[in-house]
Amino acid sequence: MTAIESMENGVLILDVSGQLNAVTSLELHGILEERMPEAEKVIFEFRDLDYISSGGLRELLYAYEAMNSKDGILIRHAKPEVKDVLDITGFSTIFEIEED
């Protein structure tokens, strides 16, 4: 997994690519833990994310809980296989998801 981060006007944008699994989710957790306190909103750009496991879903939940009192979370451009996981797990009902 690669996560390129940027902050624009209080919005943390994380461009996540590759595989978000139990091992790589630890890296994402570190980024979220460090950067979320200064953010009003988090955008996950998933255009190049090929796979998400329960470890990755756990980090989405972590971000959701931390940002719930702020402007929340947006997931953008998830590939069909990642969107299917979000749908099956019910995550698509709690997250704002923007498709192409």
N, C-alpha and C. Protein backbone atom coordinates (compact mmCIF):
# COMPACT_ATOMS: atom_id res chain seq x y z
N MET A 1 0.83 -1.16 0.00
CA MET A 1 0.00 0.00 0.00
C MET A 1 0.88 1.23 0.00
N THR A 2 0.43 2.20 -0.75
CA THR A 2 1.04 3.52 -0.75
C THR A 2 -0.06 4.51 -0.40
N ALA A 3 0.24 5.45 0.48
CA ALA A 3 -0.71 6.49 0.83
C ALA A 3 -0.03 7.85 0.68
N ILE A 4 -0.49 8.60 -0.30
CA ILE A 4 0.03 9.95 -0.50
C ILE A 4 -0.95 10.90 0.17
N GLU A 5 -0.44 11.71 1.06
CA GLU A 5 -1.31 12.59 1.85
C GLU A 5 -1.09 14.04 1.50
N SER A 6 -2.18 14.79 1.57
CA SER A 6 -2.11 16.23 1.41
C SER A 6 -3.20 16.85 2.26
N MET A 7 -3.02 18.11 2.62
CA MET A 7 -4.00 18.84 3.42
C MET A 7 -4.35 20.10 2.65
N GLU A 8 -5.64 20.28 2.38
CA GLU A 8 -6.11 21.46 1.66
C GLU A 8 -7.29 22.06 2.39
N ASN A 9 -7.11 23.26 2.94
CA ASN A 9 -8.19 23.97 3.62
C ASN A 9 -8.87 23.12 4.70
N GLY A 10 -8.07 22.42 5.49
CA GLY A 10 -8.61 21.60 6.57
C GLY A 10 -9.11 20.25 6.15
N VAL A 11 -8.92 19.90 4.88
CA VAL A 11 -9.36 18.60 4.37
C VAL A 11 -8.13 17.73 4.14
N LEU A 12 -8.08 16.61 4.86
CA LEU A 12 -7.00 15.64 4.68
C LEU A 12 -7.37 14.72 3.53
N ILE A 13 -6.56 14.70 2.49
CA ILE A 13 -6.79 13.84 1.33
C ILE A 13 -5.75 12.75 1.34
N LEU A 14 -6.22 11.50 1.34
CA LEU A 14 -5.34 10.34 1.32
C LEU A 14 -5.57 9.56 0.05
N ASP A 15 -4.60 9.59 -0.83
CA ASP A 15 -4.66 8.85 -2.09
C ASP A 15 -4.02 7.48 -1.82
N VAL A 16 -4.87 6.47 -1.65
CA VAL A 16 -4.42 5.14 -1.21
C VAL A 16 -4.41 4.20 -2.41
N SER A 17 -3.28 3.50 -2.60
CA SER A 17 -3.18 2.58 -3.73
C SER A 17 -2.61 1.24 -3.26
N GLY A 18 -2.81 0.22 -4.09
CA GLY A 18 -2.30 -1.12 -3.77
C GLY A 18 -3.29 -1.91 -2.95
N GLN A 19 -2.78 -2.57 -1.90
CA GLN A 19 -3.61 -3.42 -1.05
C GLN A 19 -3.62 -2.88 0.38
N LEU A 20 -4.82 -2.71 0.90
CA LEU A 20 -4.98 -2.26 2.28
C LEU A 20 -5.39 -3.47 3.10
N ASN A 21 -4.40 -4.07 3.77
CA ASN A 21 -4.65 -5.31 4.51
C ASN A 21 -4.18 -5.16 5.95
N ALA A 22 -4.13 -6.26 6.69
CA ALA A 22 -3.78 -6.23 8.11
C ALA A 22 -2.40 -5.62 8.35
N VAL A 23 -1.47 -5.86 7.46
CA VAL A 23 -0.12 -5.34 7.62
C VAL A 23 -0.05 -3.87 7.22
N THR A 24 -0.55 -3.55 6.04
CA THR A 24 -0.43 -2.19 5.54
C THR A 24 -1.36 -1.21 6.25
N SER A 25 -2.42 -1.72 6.87
CA SER A 25 -3.34 -0.83 7.58
C SER A 25 -2.66 -0.15 8.76
N LEU A 26 -1.60 -0.75 9.29
CA LEU A 26 -0.87 -0.13 10.40
C LEU A 26 -0.22 1.18 9.96
N GLU A 27 0.27 1.21 8.74
CA GLU A 27 0.85 2.44 8.19
C GLU A 27 -0.23 3.52 8.06
N LEU A 28 -1.39 3.11 7.54
CA LEU A 28 -2.49 4.05 7.39
C LEU A 28 -2.93 4.58 8.76
N HIS A 29 -2.98 3.70 9.74
CA HIS A 29 -3.37 4.11 11.09
C HIS A 29 -2.44 5.21 11.61
N GLY A 30 -1.15 5.05 11.39
CA GLY A 30 -0.19 6.05 11.83
C GLY A 30 -0.43 7.40 11.19
N ILE A 31 -0.72 7.39 9.90
CA ILE A 31 -1.01 8.64 9.18
C ILE A 31 -2.27 9.28 9.74
N LEU A 32 -3.31 8.48 9.92
CA LEU A 32 -4.57 9.01 10.43
C LEU A 32 -4.40 9.58 11.84
N GLU A 33 -3.71 8.84 12.67
CA GLU A 33 -3.50 9.26 14.05
C GLU A 33 -2.77 10.61 14.12
N GLU A 34 -1.81 10.77 13.24
CA GLU A 34 -1.00 12.00 13.22
C GLU A 34 -1.74 13.18 12.60
N ARG A 35 -2.47 12.94 11.51
CA ARG A 35 -3.01 14.05 10.72
C ARG A 35 -4.47 14.41 11.01
N MET A 36 -5.27 13.46 11.50
CA MET A 36 -6.70 13.75 11.70
C MET A 36 -6.99 14.86 12.70
N PRO A 37 -6.22 15.02 13.78
CA PRO A 37 -6.56 16.08 14.72
C PRO A 37 -6.60 17.48 14.10
N GLU A 38 -5.82 17.72 13.06
CA GLU A 38 -5.82 19.03 12.42
C GLU A 38 -6.80 19.13 11.26
N ALA A 39 -7.49 18.05 10.94
CA ALA A 39 -8.40 18.02 9.79
C ALA A 39 -9.86 18.21 10.21
N GLU A 40 -10.63 18.81 9.33
CA GLU A 40 -12.07 18.93 9.52
C GLU A 40 -12.81 17.83 8.75
N LYS A 41 -12.15 17.29 7.73
CA LYS A 41 -12.76 16.25 6.90
C LYS A 41 -11.63 15.39 6.36
N VAL A 42 -11.95 14.10 6.10
CA VAL A 42 -10.97 13.20 5.48
C VAL A 42 -11.57 12.66 4.19
N ILE A 43 -10.80 12.75 3.12
CA ILE A 43 -11.19 12.17 1.83
C ILE A 43 -10.23 11.03 1.52
N PHE A 44 -10.80 9.83 1.34
CA PHE A 44 -10.03 8.68 0.89
C PHE A 44 -10.20 8.55 -0.61
N GLU A 45 -9.15 8.73 -1.34
CA GLU A 45 -9.15 8.56 -2.81
C GLU A 45 -8.73 7.11 -3.07
N PHE A 46 -9.68 6.29 -3.52
CA PHE A 46 -9.45 4.84 -3.69
C PHE A 46 -9.34 4.42 -5.15
N ARG A 47 -9.10 5.36 -6.06
CA ARG A 47 -9.03 5.04 -7.48
C ARG A 47 -8.04 3.91 -7.78
N ASP A 48 -6.92 3.87 -7.06
CA ASP A 48 -5.88 2.87 -7.32
C ASP A 48 -5.78 1.82 -6.21
N LEU A 49 -6.81 1.74 -5.36
CA LEU A 49 -6.83 0.71 -4.33
C LEU A 49 -7.41 -0.57 -4.92
N ASP A 50 -6.65 -1.66 -4.88
CA ASP A 50 -7.06 -2.91 -5.50
C ASP A 50 -7.76 -3.86 -4.54
N TYR A 51 -7.49 -3.71 -3.24
CA TYR A 51 -7.98 -4.70 -2.27
C TYR A 51 -8.09 -4.03 -0.91
N ILE A 52 -9.15 -4.38 -0.17
CA ILE A 52 -9.29 -3.91 1.21
C ILE A 52 -9.74 -5.09 2.07
N SER A 53 -9.04 -5.32 3.18
CA SER A 53 -9.37 -6.41 4.09
C SER A 53 -10.05 -5.85 5.33
N SER A 54 -10.32 -6.72 6.28
CA SER A 54 -10.93 -6.27 7.54
C SER A 54 -10.02 -5.29 8.26
N GLY A 55 -8.71 -5.42 8.10
CA GLY A 55 -7.78 -4.46 8.70
C GLY A 55 -7.98 -3.07 8.12
N GLY A 56 -8.18 -2.99 6.81
CA GLY A 56 -8.45 -1.71 6.17
C GLY A 56 -9.79 -1.14 6.59
N LEU A 57 -10.80 -2.01 6.69
CA LEU A 57 -12.11 -1.56 7.15
C LEU A 57 -12.04 -1.03 8.57
N ARG A 58 -11.23 -1.66 9.39
CA ARG A 58 -11.04 -1.20 10.78
C ARG A 58 -10.52 0.24 10.79
N GLU A 59 -9.60 0.56 9.88
CA GLU A 59 -9.06 1.92 9.83
C GLU A 59 -10.09 2.92 9.33
N LEU A 60 -10.95 2.49 8.42
CA LEU A 60 -12.04 3.37 7.99
C LEU A 60 -12.97 3.68 9.17
N LEU A 61 -13.25 2.66 9.98
CA LEU A 61 -14.09 2.86 11.17
C LEU A 61 -13.41 3.78 12.18
N TYR A 62 -12.12 3.59 12.35
CA TYR A 62 -11.34 4.46 13.24
C TYR A 62 -11.46 5.92 12.79
N ALA A 63 -11.31 6.15 11.50
CA ALA A 63 -11.43 7.50 10.96
C ALA A 63 -12.85 8.03 11.12
N TYR A 64 -13.83 7.18 10.90
CA TYR A 64 -15.23 7.57 11.03
C TYR A 64 -15.53 8.05 12.45
N GLU A 65 -15.08 7.27 13.42
CA GLU A 65 -15.34 7.63 14.82
C GLU A 65 -14.64 8.94 15.19
N ALA A 66 -13.43 9.13 14.69
CA ALA A 66 -12.67 10.35 15.01
C ALA A 66 -13.26 11.57 14.31
N MET A 67 -13.82 11.41 13.13
CA MET A 67 -14.29 12.55 12.34
C MET A 67 -15.80 12.75 12.43
N ASN A 68 -16.48 11.92 13.17
CA ASN A 68 -17.94 11.97 13.25
C ASN A 68 -18.45 13.32 13.77
N SER A 69 -17.71 13.95 14.67
CA SER A 69 -18.14 15.23 15.22
C SER A 69 -17.68 16.41 14.35
N LYS A 70 -16.96 16.10 13.27
CA LYS A 70 -16.50 17.14 12.34
C LYS A 70 -17.28 17.00 11.04
N ASP A 71 -16.63 17.24 9.90
CA ASP A 71 -17.32 17.17 8.61
C ASP A 71 -17.34 15.77 8.01
N GLY A 72 -16.75 14.80 8.70
CA GLY A 72 -16.87 13.41 8.29
C GLY A 72 -15.85 12.92 7.28
N ILE A 73 -16.27 11.87 6.59
CA ILE A 73 -15.42 11.10 5.69
C ILE A 73 -16.08 11.04 4.31
N LEU A 74 -15.26 11.10 3.28
CA LEU A 74 -15.72 10.88 1.91
C LEU A 74 -14.80 9.84 1.29
N ILE A 75 -15.40 8.84 0.65
CA ILE A 75 -14.63 7.85 -0.10
C ILE A 75 -14.90 8.12 -1.58
N ARG A 76 -13.82 8.32 -2.33
CA ARG A 76 -13.98 8.65 -3.76
C ARG A 76 -13.39 7.55 -4.64
N HIS A 77 -14.09 7.29 -5.75
CA HIS A 77 -13.60 6.52 -6.88
C HIS A 77 -13.14 5.10 -6.53
N ALA A 78 -13.87 4.42 -5.66
CA ALA A 78 -13.52 3.03 -5.33
C ALA A 78 -13.76 2.13 -6.54
N LYS A 79 -12.81 1.24 -6.79
CA LYS A 79 -12.97 0.25 -7.86
C LYS A 79 -14.13 -0.68 -7.50
N PRO A 80 -14.71 -1.35 -8.49
CA PRO A 80 -15.86 -2.22 -8.22
C PRO A 80 -15.59 -3.28 -7.15
N GLU A 81 -14.39 -3.87 -7.14
CA GLU A 81 -14.10 -4.91 -6.15
C GLU A 81 -14.01 -4.34 -4.73
N VAL A 82 -13.54 -3.12 -4.60
CA VAL A 82 -13.49 -2.47 -3.29
C VAL A 82 -14.90 -2.00 -2.90
N LYS A 83 -15.63 -1.44 -3.85
CA LYS A 83 -17.01 -0.99 -3.60
C LYS A 83 -17.88 -2.16 -3.17
N ASP A 84 -17.67 -3.34 -3.76
CA ASP A 84 -18.43 -4.54 -3.36
C ASP A 84 -18.20 -4.87 -1.89
N VAL A 85 -16.96 -4.78 -1.44
CA VAL A 85 -16.65 -5.05 -0.03
C VAL A 85 -17.35 -4.03 0.86
N LEU A 86 -17.32 -2.76 0.47
CA LEU A 86 -18.00 -1.72 1.24
C LEU A 86 -19.51 -1.97 1.29
N ASP A 87 -20.08 -2.44 0.18
CA ASP A 87 -21.52 -2.73 0.13
C ASP A 87 -21.86 -3.94 1.00
N ILE A 88 -21.12 -5.02 0.84
CA ILE A 88 -21.40 -6.27 1.56
C ILE A 88 -21.30 -6.08 3.08
N THR A 89 -20.33 -5.29 3.50
CA THR A 89 -20.12 -5.07 4.93
C THR A 89 -21.03 -4.00 5.52
N GLY A 90 -21.77 -3.30 4.68
CA GLY A 90 -22.65 -2.24 5.15
C GLY A 90 -21.96 -0.90 5.33
N PHE A 91 -20.68 -0.84 5.01
CA PHE A 91 -19.94 0.42 5.15
C PHE A 91 -20.48 1.49 4.20
N SER A 92 -21.04 1.07 3.09
CA SER A 92 -21.55 2.05 2.13
C SER A 92 -22.79 2.77 2.66
N THR A 93 -23.37 2.26 3.74
CA THR A 93 -24.53 2.94 4.33
C THR A 93 -24.11 3.99 5.36
N ILE A 94 -22.87 3.93 5.84
CA ILE A 94 -22.44 4.91 6.85
C ILE A 94 -21.46 5.93 6.28
N PHE A 95 -20.85 5.63 5.14
CA PHE A 95 -19.90 6.55 4.53
C PHE A 95 -20.49 7.21 3.30
N GLU A 96 -20.11 8.45 3.08
CA GLU A 96 -20.45 9.11 1.83
C GLU A 96 -19.48 8.57 0.78
N ILE A 97 -20.03 8.05 -0.30
CA ILE A 97 -19.19 7.47 -1.35
C ILE A 97 -19.50 8.17 -2.67
N GLU A 98 -18.44 8.68 -3.28
CA GLU A 98 -18.55 9.38 -4.56
C GLU A 98 -17.94 8.50 -5.63
N GLU A 99 -18.73 8.19 -6.64
CA GLU A 99 -18.24 7.34 -7.71
C GLU A 99 -17.90 8.18 -8.93
N ASP A 100 -17.21 7.54 -9.89
CA ASP A 100 -16.83 8.24 -11.14
C ASP A 100 -18.06 8.75 -11.85
